[in-house]
Protein backbone atom coordinates (compact mmCIF):
# COMPACT_ATOMS: atom_id res chain seq x y z
CA UNK A 1 61.49 -28.92 111.92
CA UNK A 2 64.62 -26.76 111.72
CA UNK A 3 66.64 -27.77 114.78
CA UNK A 4 69.81 -25.77 115.44
CA UNK A 5 72.57 -28.28 116.15
CA UNK A 6 75.15 -27.98 118.89
CA UNK A 7 77.37 -30.27 116.81
CA UNK A 8 76.63 -29.26 113.21
CA UNK A 9 79.72 -30.95 111.79
CA UNK A 10 79.36 -34.24 113.65
CA UNK A 11 77.73 -37.26 112.01
CA UNK A 12 77.55 -40.91 112.96
CA UNK A 13 80.72 -42.26 114.57
CA UNK A 14 83.20 -43.79 112.11
CA UNK A 15 83.19 -46.94 114.24
CA UNK A 16 79.45 -47.35 113.79
CA UNK A 17 79.67 -46.51 110.10
CA UNK A 18 82.36 -49.07 109.34
CA UNK A 19 80.81 -51.78 111.50
CA UNK A 20 77.46 -51.34 109.78
CA UNK A 21 79.21 -51.52 106.41
CA UNK A 22 81.11 -54.62 107.53
CA UNK A 23 77.85 -56.31 108.49
CA UNK A 24 76.18 -55.33 105.24
CA UNK A 25 79.09 -56.68 103.21
CA UNK A 26 79.68 -59.74 105.41
CA UNK A 27 83.25 -58.52 105.83
CA UNK A 28 85.79 -59.39 108.50
CA UNK A 29 85.49 -56.55 111.01
CA UNK A 30 88.93 -55.27 112.01
CA UNK A 31 87.45 -51.78 112.31
CA UNK A 32 85.65 -51.34 115.62
CA UNK A 33 87.72 -52.08 118.71
CA UNK A 34 86.11 -55.06 120.36
CA UNK A 35 87.37 -58.60 121.06
CA UNK A 36 85.72 -61.62 119.42
CA UNK A 37 87.06 -64.24 121.83
CA UNK A 38 85.40 -65.62 124.99
CA UNK A 39 85.39 -63.90 128.36
CA UNK A 40 87.04 -65.68 131.29
CA UNK A 41 84.57 -68.20 132.71
CA UNK A 42 85.44 -67.12 136.26
CA UNK A 43 84.23 -63.60 135.48
CA UNK A 44 81.01 -65.00 134.04
CA UNK A 45 80.50 -66.97 137.25
CA UNK A 46 80.80 -63.76 139.26
CA UNK A 47 78.00 -62.21 137.20
CA UNK A 48 75.77 -65.21 137.90
CA UNK A 49 76.69 -64.99 141.56
CA UNK A 50 75.71 -61.32 141.60
CA UNK A 51 72.35 -62.07 140.02
CA UNK A 52 71.73 -64.87 142.50
CA UNK A 53 72.52 -62.46 145.33
CA UNK A 54 69.99 -59.95 143.92
CA UNK A 55 72.68 -57.36 143.25
CA UNK A 56 70.45 -55.73 140.67
CA UNK A 57 69.31 -52.41 142.16
CA UNK A 58 71.04 -49.04 142.11
CA UNK A 59 74.68 -48.97 143.13
CA UNK A 60 75.97 -46.00 145.14
CA UNK A 61 76.48 -42.97 142.92
CA UNK A 62 80.28 -43.08 143.29
CA UNK A 63 80.35 -46.83 142.70
CA UNK A 64 80.14 -49.83 145.01
CA UNK A 65 82.57 -49.44 147.88
CA UNK A 66 83.80 -53.01 147.48
CA UNK A 67 84.74 -52.25 143.87
CA UNK A 68 86.39 -48.95 144.77
CA UNK A 69 88.46 -50.79 147.39
CA UNK A 70 89.37 -53.42 144.79
CA UNK A 71 90.47 -50.66 142.40
CA UNK A 72 92.61 -49.07 145.11
CA UNK A 73 94.30 -52.43 145.80
CA UNK A 74 94.89 -52.91 142.09
CA UNK A 75 96.58 -49.52 141.72
CA UNK A 76 98.74 -50.22 144.76
CA UNK A 77 99.86 -53.55 143.33
CA UNK A 78 100.35 -52.11 139.87
CA UNK A 79 102.03 -48.76 140.58
CA UNK A 80 102.79 -48.76 144.31
CA UNK A 81 100.53 -45.77 144.90
CA UNK A 82 97.88 -45.13 147.54
CA UNK A 83 94.42 -44.05 146.35
CA UNK A 84 91.59 -43.30 148.76
CA UNK A 85 88.55 -45.38 147.72
CA UNK A 86 86.23 -43.02 149.57
CA UNK A 87 87.32 -39.74 148.01
CA UNK A 88 89.43 -40.36 144.88
CA UNK A 89 87.55 -42.97 142.83
CA UNK A 90 84.35 -42.76 140.78
CA UNK A 91 83.00 -45.80 138.94
CA UNK A 92 81.57 -44.74 135.58
CA UNK A 93 79.49 -46.15 132.75
CA UNK A 94 82.59 -46.72 130.68
CA UNK A 95 85.64 -44.51 130.24
CA UNK A 96 83.88 -42.36 127.65
CA UNK A 97 81.25 -41.35 130.21
CA UNK A 98 84.05 -40.66 132.69
CA UNK A 99 85.70 -38.38 130.13
CA UNK A 100 82.37 -36.67 129.45
CA UNK A 101 81.76 -36.12 133.17
CA UNK A 102 85.26 -34.70 133.72
CA UNK A 103 85.00 -32.23 130.85
CA UNK A 104 81.41 -31.27 131.71
CA UNK A 105 82.35 -30.61 135.33
CA UNK A 106 85.39 -28.48 134.64
CA UNK A 107 85.24 -26.77 131.26
CA UNK A 108 83.60 -23.34 131.19
CA UNK A 109 82.57 -21.40 128.05
CA UNK A 110 85.70 -20.14 126.30
CA UNK A 111 88.10 -22.51 128.06
CA UNK A 112 90.67 -24.02 125.71
CA UNK A 113 91.54 -27.71 125.82
CA UNK A 114 94.64 -29.09 124.10
CA UNK A 115 94.27 -32.49 122.45
CA UNK A 116 96.47 -34.44 120.11
CA UNK A 117 95.50 -35.49 116.60
CA UNK A 118 94.88 -38.19 115.60
CA UNK A 119 92.54 -38.12 118.61
CA UNK A 120 89.88 -40.49 119.89
CA UNK A 121 86.64 -39.09 118.56
CA UNK A 122 84.82 -38.31 121.82
CA UNK A 123 87.18 -35.60 123.05
CA UNK A 124 86.45 -32.64 120.77
CA UNK A 125 82.62 -32.99 120.64
CA UNK A 126 82.44 -33.15 124.44
CA UNK A 127 84.52 -29.98 124.70
CA UNK A 128 82.29 -28.25 122.16
CA UNK A 129 79.08 -29.31 123.90
CA UNK A 130 80.40 -27.56 126.99
CA UNK A 131 81.26 -24.44 124.97
CA UNK A 132 84.96 -25.02 125.33
CA UNK A 133 87.42 -24.67 122.47
CA UNK A 134 89.38 -27.73 121.26
CA UNK A 135 92.97 -26.81 120.42
CA UNK A 136 94.28 -29.50 118.09
CA UNK A 137 98.02 -30.25 118.04
CA UNK A 138 99.11 -32.87 115.52
CA UNK A 139 101.45 -35.62 116.69
CA UNK A 140 104.73 -36.03 114.85
CA UNK A 141 104.33 -38.47 111.95
CA UNK A 142 105.18 -41.34 111.62
CA UNK A 143 106.33 -41.80 115.24
CA UNK A 144 103.13 -40.22 116.63
CA UNK A 145 105.20 -38.54 119.35
CA UNK A 146 104.08 -35.37 121.12
CA UNK A 147 105.65 -32.12 119.81
CA UNK A 148 106.15 -30.51 123.21
CA UNK A 149 107.41 -27.20 121.81
CA UNK A 150 104.13 -26.82 119.90
CA UNK A 151 102.23 -27.66 123.08
CA UNK A 152 103.99 -24.92 125.02
CA UNK A 153 103.37 -22.47 122.19
CA UNK A 154 99.66 -23.30 122.27
CA UNK A 155 99.18 -22.64 125.99
CA UNK A 156 97.75 -19.25 126.91
CA UNK A 157 95.63 -17.65 129.62
CA UNK A 158 92.52 -19.46 128.34
CA UNK A 159 94.05 -22.95 128.41
CA UNK A 160 92.31 -25.06 131.06
CA UNK A 161 93.09 -28.69 130.24
CA UNK A 162 95.39 -31.01 128.31
CA UNK A 163 94.06 -34.42 127.23
CA UNK A 164 96.57 -37.21 126.76
CA UNK A 165 95.94 -40.79 125.69
CA UNK A 166 98.51 -43.40 126.75
CA UNK A 167 98.82 -45.93 125.16
CA UNK A 168 97.48 -43.98 122.23
CA UNK A 169 94.48 -44.85 120.08
CA UNK A 170 94.69 -45.01 117.07
CA UNK A 171 98.49 -45.04 116.67
CA UNK A 172 99.65 -47.54 119.31
CA UNK A 173 102.33 -45.10 120.51
CA UNK A 174 103.24 -44.94 124.21
CA UNK A 175 104.65 -42.18 126.40
CA UNK A 176 108.16 -42.48 127.81
CA UNK A 177 109.93 -40.91 130.78
CA UNK A 178 110.94 -37.86 128.72
CA UNK A 179 107.27 -37.22 127.90
CA UNK A 180 106.35 -37.37 131.59
CA UNK A 181 109.15 -34.92 132.41
CA UNK A 182 107.97 -32.56 129.67
CA UNK A 183 104.46 -32.66 131.08
CA UNK A 184 105.78 -32.05 134.59
CA UNK A 185 107.64 -28.95 133.39
CA UNK A 186 104.44 -27.62 131.84
CA UNK A 187 102.52 -28.11 135.08
CA UNK A 188 105.33 -26.40 137.02
CA UNK A 189 104.98 -23.38 134.74
CA UNK A 190 101.17 -23.49 134.48
CA UNK A 191 99.90 -24.98 137.78
CA UNK A 192 96.30 -24.10 136.90
CA UNK A 193 96.19 -26.69 134.11
CA UNK A 194 94.29 -29.96 134.51
CA UNK A 195 95.55 -33.15 132.89
CA UNK A 196 92.87 -35.54 131.67
CA UNK A 197 94.73 -38.78 131.04
CA UNK A 198 92.96 -41.50 129.07
CA UNK A 199 94.73 -44.72 130.10
CA UNK A 200 92.18 -47.33 129.05
CA UNK A 201 94.82 -49.42 127.25
CA UNK A 202 97.11 -49.52 130.31
CA UNK A 203 97.40 -53.32 130.19
CA UNK A 204 98.28 -53.43 126.50
CA UNK A 205 101.83 -52.11 126.33
CA UNK A 206 104.57 -54.07 124.59
CA UNK A 207 107.64 -51.87 125.13
CA UNK A 208 108.67 -50.87 128.64
CA UNK A 209 106.23 -50.45 131.53
CA UNK A 210 103.09 -48.37 131.37
CA UNK A 211 103.77 -44.89 132.77
CA UNK A 212 100.72 -43.40 134.44
CA UNK A 213 100.52 -39.75 135.44
CA UNK A 214 99.44 -41.09 138.83
CA UNK A 215 103.03 -42.18 139.43
CA UNK A 216 104.23 -38.57 139.30
CA UNK A 217 103.50 -36.55 142.46
CA UNK A 218 103.87 -33.38 140.38
CA UNK A 219 101.18 -34.50 137.93
CA UNK A 220 98.86 -36.46 140.17
CA UNK A 221 97.56 -33.41 142.05
CA UNK A 222 96.43 -31.91 138.72
CA UNK A 223 95.27 -35.10 137.01
CA UNK A 224 92.10 -37.01 136.32
CA UNK A 225 92.71 -40.48 134.90
CA UNK A 226 90.15 -42.64 133.10
CA UNK A 227 90.23 -46.43 132.91
CA UNK A 228 88.12 -49.13 131.30
CA UNK A 229 87.18 -52.56 132.63
CA UNK A 230 85.62 -53.14 129.22
CA UNK A 231 89.03 -52.98 127.58
CA UNK A 232 90.97 -54.76 130.32
CA UNK A 233 88.52 -57.64 130.85
CA UNK A 234 87.37 -57.96 127.20
CA UNK A 235 83.79 -56.92 128.02
CA UNK A 236 83.36 -53.69 126.06
CA UNK A 237 79.57 -54.03 126.08
CA UNK A 238 79.42 -53.73 129.84
CA UNK A 239 80.43 -50.05 129.58
CA UNK A 240 82.17 -50.07 132.95
CA UNK A 241 85.13 -47.89 133.84
CA UNK A 242 86.40 -45.56 136.52
CA UNK A 243 88.10 -42.23 137.13
CA UNK A 244 90.90 -41.52 139.61
CA UNK A 245 91.25 -37.90 140.73
CA UNK A 246 92.24 -35.87 143.80
CA UNK A 247 89.38 -35.27 146.22
CA UNK A 248 88.53 -31.76 145.01
CA UNK A 249 88.49 -32.74 141.33
CA UNK A 250 86.62 -35.96 142.07
CA UNK A 251 83.90 -34.04 143.90
CA UNK A 252 83.38 -31.82 140.86
CA UNK A 253 83.33 -34.82 138.53
CA UNK A 254 80.65 -36.51 140.65
CA UNK A 255 78.42 -33.44 140.41
CA UNK A 256 78.18 -34.06 136.67
CA UNK A 257 78.31 -37.87 136.86
CA UNK A 258 75.26 -38.17 139.11
CA UNK A 259 73.04 -36.38 136.59
CA UNK A 260 74.38 -38.20 133.54
CA UNK A 261 73.90 -41.80 134.67
CA UNK A 262 73.70 -41.60 138.49
CA UNK A 263 75.48 -44.95 138.73
CA UNK A 264 76.99 -47.70 136.61
CA UNK A 265 75.61 -51.24 136.35
CA UNK A 266 75.47 -52.71 139.85
CA UNK A 267 75.59 -56.40 138.91
CA UNK A 268 78.68 -55.93 136.76
CA UNK A 269 80.34 -53.85 139.48
CA UNK A 270 79.77 -56.72 141.90
CA UNK A 271 81.23 -59.23 139.44
CA UNK A 272 84.32 -57.18 138.66
CA UNK A 273 85.04 -56.51 142.33
CA UNK A 274 84.92 -60.22 143.17
CA UNK A 275 87.02 -61.03 140.10
CA UNK A 276 89.72 -58.47 140.93
CA UNK A 277 89.92 -59.80 144.47
CA UNK A 278 91.03 -63.18 143.12
CA UNK A 279 94.46 -61.73 142.40
CA UNK A 280 96.50 -60.16 139.62
CA UNK A 281 93.97 -61.10 136.93
CA UNK A 282 95.35 -58.52 134.48
CA UNK A 283 98.92 -59.84 134.56
CA UNK A 284 98.95 -61.70 131.24
CA UNK A 285 96.95 -59.27 129.12
CA UNK A 286 99.89 -57.46 127.51
CA UNK A 287 101.62 -60.71 126.56
CA UNK A 288 98.38 -62.07 125.12
CA UNK A 289 97.83 -59.03 122.91
CA UNK A 290 101.49 -58.85 121.94
CA UNK A 291 101.20 -62.43 120.70
CA UNK A 292 98.16 -61.46 118.62
CA UNK A 293 100.00 -58.45 117.22
CA UNK A 294 103.01 -60.59 116.32
CA UNK A 295 100.82 -63.29 114.77
CA UNK A 296 99.16 -60.73 112.51
CA UNK A 297 102.45 -59.07 111.58
CA UNK A 298 103.95 -62.45 110.71
CA UNK A 299 100.91 -63.31 108.58
CA UNK A 300 101.24 -59.95 106.78
CA UNK A 301 104.89 -60.48 105.84
CA UNK A 302 105.36 -60.07 102.09
CA UNK A 303 102.30 -57.84 101.67
CA UNK A 304 102.40 -54.34 100.20
CA UNK A 305 101.00 -52.92 103.42
CA UNK A 306 103.68 -51.28 105.57
CA UNK A 307 103.17 -51.80 109.29
CA UNK A 308 103.90 -48.77 111.47
CA UNK A 309 105.33 -49.34 114.98
CA UNK A 310 102.76 -50.57 117.50
CA UNK A 311 103.92 -50.41 121.11
CA UNK A 312 100.54 -50.53 122.81
CA UNK A 313 96.73 -50.87 122.52
CA UNK A 314 95.09 -53.56 120.40
CA UNK A 315 95.32 -51.46 117.25
CA UNK A 316 98.02 -51.11 114.65
CA UNK A 317 98.40 -48.86 111.64
CA UNK A 318 99.25 -49.84 108.08
CA UNK A 319 100.51 -47.56 105.32
CA UNK A 320 98.84 -48.63 102.07
CA UNK A 321 100.53 -46.07 99.77
CA UNK A 322 102.32 -48.85 97.83
CA UNK A 323 98.88 -50.20 96.88
CA UNK A 324 96.81 -47.09 96.17
CA UNK A 325 96.94 -43.29 96.22
CA UNK A 326 93.22 -42.78 96.91
CA UNK A 327 92.10 -41.18 100.18
CA UNK A 328 92.12 -43.36 103.25
CA UNK A 329 88.32 -43.08 103.56
CA UNK A 330 87.83 -44.25 99.98
CA UNK A 331 90.40 -47.00 100.46
CA UNK A 332 88.73 -48.29 103.64
CA UNK A 333 85.30 -48.35 102.00
CA UNK A 334 86.64 -50.16 98.93
CA UNK A 335 88.54 -52.60 101.12
CA UNK A 336 85.30 -53.44 102.94
CA UNK A 337 83.06 -53.68 99.90
CA UNK A 338 85.39 -55.33 97.42
CA UNK A 339 87.80 -57.31 99.57
CA UNK A 340 85.62 -57.94 102.65
CA UNK A 341 87.95 -56.62 105.34
CA UNK A 342 86.82 -53.58 107.34
CA UNK A 343 89.36 -51.11 108.73
CA UNK A 344 89.28 -47.51 110.00
CA UNK A 345 90.70 -44.60 107.95
CA UNK A 346 92.98 -42.60 110.25
CA UNK A 347 92.23 -39.17 108.73
CA UNK A 348 88.88 -39.14 110.56
CA UNK A 349 90.82 -38.72 113.83
CA UNK A 350 92.25 -35.38 112.62
CA UNK A 351 90.48 -32.01 112.68
CA UNK A 352 92.19 -31.17 109.38
CA UNK A 353 91.46 -34.64 107.96
CA UNK A 354 95.19 -35.14 107.52
CA UNK A 355 95.66 -38.13 105.25
CA UNK A 356 98.90 -40.11 105.43
CA UNK A 357 97.36 -43.04 103.53
CA UNK A 358 97.11 -45.09 106.69
CA UNK A 359 94.35 -47.35 108.02
CA UNK A 360 93.86 -48.78 111.50
CA UNK A 361 93.19 -52.44 112.20
CA UNK A 362 92.05 -54.02 115.45
CA UNK A 363 93.86 -57.24 116.34
CA UNK A 364 91.72 -58.07 119.38
CA UNK A 365 90.47 -61.09 117.47
CA UNK A 366 90.90 -64.83 117.54
CA UNK A 367 93.63 -66.48 115.47
CA UNK A 368 91.23 -67.68 112.80
CA UNK A 369 89.92 -64.15 112.16
CA UNK A 370 93.38 -62.59 112.04
CA UNK A 371 94.78 -65.17 109.65
CA UNK A 372 91.74 -64.97 107.37
CA UNK A 373 92.03 -61.18 107.18
CA UNK A 374 95.79 -61.29 106.58
CA UNK A 375 95.34 -63.77 103.73
CA UNK A 376 93.03 -61.35 101.95
CA UNK A 377 95.18 -58.28 102.58
CA UNK A 378 98.38 -59.98 101.36
CA UNK A 379 96.77 -60.46 97.96
CA UNK A 380 96.34 -56.72 97.36
């Protein structure tokens, strides 16, 4: 059957492709972004408690109220801001579904959405599925900073949304106060714009404090912010996240959300709410991941891979141009098949497939895995 595709140029996700290849080759998987260390036993106990309490039926569409209240308390402790759990929070089936709901609710045919390459791979397809137009602006290489003059030059009457990702996947770059001011100036000039801020790696920042758009009164009224419990609590398979947005934007988001999933997993919502209420359970996450980053960098000393700065996330980039001049896709495949370490080629995050001969590694792994991978890579 000849089926016209809404996404004719989209194939299987690079994360799936490289993980499948890693499994086939019995390679160390530093490609897909998931931890391989145990979850906190206290969180596991909360899941068991939820099951024992029969918290297994549908949750409210917007999310359990106890969890939304826990989220509001967390944001108050973290950023000193007040968020209304009744009107400004939606619990989603992961941050990706939150992003999908936000774009689906707000982007009309012909609307332009600015995003920054290298970009997480769900942004552009979601815009296209809603008949919007992705407007790709490449980050400055190798700092992966935002070229704000190019952003301003890209904005026109059709521009509806700007998507930012802070800390940034895949580069590990983070926004600073000057970036927030630049974004504020844009919103002052173009108050119709919506900011969709992907902040799923908020608790993995190694330089300065995480700057959320929610902290800026000028940006908050125009912003929808996505978060991930999967990333923060090392439970990516739970697919549990949330979106913070002003009441009017949140109402529009929920119109789409209710027909995509209706609600996220009730048992896991129960567990996370109880876990968050135990205190500042996220406090040590950045230090833990910084230690893993530093361990891997130390183990890679003396290799021909050049580490690029990593100030956030649990990813870092390595320039392999001293080893090979082949494309990053070819290099990543060869690295997996021949040397048994799987990585992600960064060109796949660019519309233009821009190739700086850089691969991404995930260091959300235990010490044994990181040291074993580094030993192999140092020999190249």
